[in-house]
């Protein structure tokens, strides 16, 4: 369960970075 949480956090942060880059690019 701990590993799943780690992946979830990593995926969430990655998604946030992608969204930020998209907004910045636009």
Protein backbone atom coordinates (compact mmCIF):
# COMPACT_ATOMS: atom_id res chain seq x y z
CA UNK A 1 0.00 0.00 0.00
CA UNK A 2 2.87 2.37 0.77
CA UNK A 3 4.39 1.78 -2.67
CA UNK A 4 1.04 2.55 -4.29
CA UNK A 5 0.86 5.85 -2.42
CA UNK A 6 4.38 6.73 -3.58
CA UNK A 7 3.45 6.08 -7.21
CA UNK A 8 0.24 8.07 -6.79
CA UNK A 9 2.16 11.08 -5.45
CA UNK A 10 4.77 10.80 -8.21
CA UNK A 11 2.08 10.57 -10.91
CA UNK A 12 0.17 13.51 -9.41
CA UNK A 13 3.27 15.71 -9.31
CA UNK A 14 4.13 14.72 -12.89
CA UNK A 15 0.61 15.60 -14.03
CA UNK A 16 0.90 18.96 -12.27
CA UNK A 17 4.21 19.70 -14.00
CA UNK A 18 2.74 18.79 -17.38
CA UNK A 19 -0.25 21.05 -16.77
CA UNK A 20 2.03 23.90 -15.67
CA UNK A 21 4.20 23.52 -18.79
CA UNK A 22 1.07 23.50 -20.96
CA UNK A 23 -0.21 26.74 -19.40
CA UNK A 24 3.23 28.34 -19.63
CA UNK A 25 3.61 27.30 -23.28
CA UNK A 26 0.20 28.73 -24.12
